[in-house]
Protein backbone atom coordinates (compact mmCIF):
# COMPACT_ATOMS: atom_id res chain seq x y z
CA MET A 1 18.26 12.34 2.16
CA LYS A 2 17.55 10.96 5.49
CA LYS A 3 13.89 11.75 7.41
CA SER A 4 15.54 13.57 9.98
CA GLU A 5 17.57 16.02 7.18
CA LEU A 6 14.10 16.53 5.48
CA ILE A 7 12.56 17.70 8.64
CA ASN A 8 15.24 20.22 9.34
CA VAL A 9 14.95 21.76 5.88
CA LEU A 10 11.30 21.97 6.47
CA ASN A 11 11.55 23.34 9.80
CA SER A 12 13.55 26.14 8.25
CA PHE A 13 10.90 27.46 5.91
CA PRO A 14 7.64 29.19 7.17
CA ASP A 15 4.52 26.81 7.91
CA LEU A 16 3.09 26.80 4.17
CA PRO A 17 1.46 24.39 2.40
CA VAL A 18 3.62 21.50 0.57
CA VAL A 19 3.23 20.58 -3.04
CA VAL A 20 4.87 17.95 -5.45
CA THR A 21 5.15 18.25 -9.12
CA GLY A 22 2.30 17.27 -11.22
CA TYR A 23 2.48 14.45 -14.11
CA GLU A 24 3.33 16.72 -17.10
CA GLY A 25 3.17 20.15 -15.33
CA GLY A 26 1.77 21.86 -12.48
CA THR A 27 1.27 21.06 -9.18
CA ASN A 28 -0.39 18.77 -6.73
CA PRO A 29 -0.79 18.99 -2.67
CA LEU A 30 1.10 16.54 -0.71
CA GLU A 31 -1.00 14.69 1.38
CA LYS A 32 -0.73 11.89 4.02
CA GLU A 33 -2.16 9.10 1.52
CA ASN A 34 1.05 10.30 -0.84
CA ILE A 35 3.33 9.06 2.08
CA ALA A 36 4.40 5.24 2.13
CA LEU A 37 6.85 3.06 2.91
CA LYS A 38 8.10 1.28 -0.52
CA TYR A 39 11.14 -0.55 -1.61
CA VAL A 40 13.49 0.72 -4.19
CA ASP A 41 16.01 -1.27 -6.38
CA LYS A 42 19.29 0.90 -5.99
CA LYS A 43 20.45 -1.03 -9.48
CA GLY A 44 17.50 -0.48 -11.19
CA GLY A 45 17.50 3.22 -11.84
CA SER A 46 18.05 4.69 -16.01
CA ASP A 47 18.72 8.21 -16.93
CA TRP A 48 15.09 8.35 -17.92
CA PHE A 49 13.42 7.26 -15.06
CA GLY A 50 15.48 7.99 -12.25
CA GLN A 51 18.31 7.09 -10.01
CA TYR A 52 16.65 4.25 -8.32
CA GLY A 53 14.09 1.50 -9.70
CA GLY A 54 11.10 0.47 -8.18
CA GLY A 55 8.20 2.16 -5.47
CA GLU A 56 7.00 -1.28 -4.98
CA ASP A 57 5.07 -2.86 -1.84
CA SER A 58 7.28 -5.58 -2.16
CA PRO A 59 11.26 -6.11 -2.88
CA ASP A 60 10.58 -9.43 -5.02
CA GLY A 61 12.73 -9.72 -7.89
CA MET A 62 15.42 -6.18 -6.89
CA GLU A 63 18.70 -6.84 -6.94
CA ASP A 64 19.44 -4.17 -4.55
CA PRO A 65 16.32 -3.28 -2.50
CA GLU A 66 16.17 -0.43 0.02
CA LEU A 67 12.97 0.26 2.23
CA VAL A 68 12.47 4.12 1.86
CA ILE A 69 9.71 6.87 2.50
CA TYR A 70 7.97 7.34 -0.42
CA LEU A 71 6.52 10.58 -1.81
CA SER A 72 4.35 10.16 -4.61
CA ARG A 73 2.46 12.78 -6.70
CA SER A 74 -0.97 11.03 -5.93
CA SER A 75 -2.13 8.29 -3.82
CA THR A 76 -2.77 6.26 -6.65
CA THR A 77 1.15 6.07 -7.70
């Protein structure tokens, strides 16, 4: 999904708080600090960890890096 598609989807909802899943249940509010540009490795994923590997500040060592808008559970991840 591209940023413009996400904006269109979000605009179809009422103006409500946005939350993300918690680590082992529950939810956390999505804050500005939870949104960043990161690199993912399009060939580094697995069934367990997700389609892509990474979520890193640098593409070093990645086989097929792509720069993405990264939404995290907290500003520390």
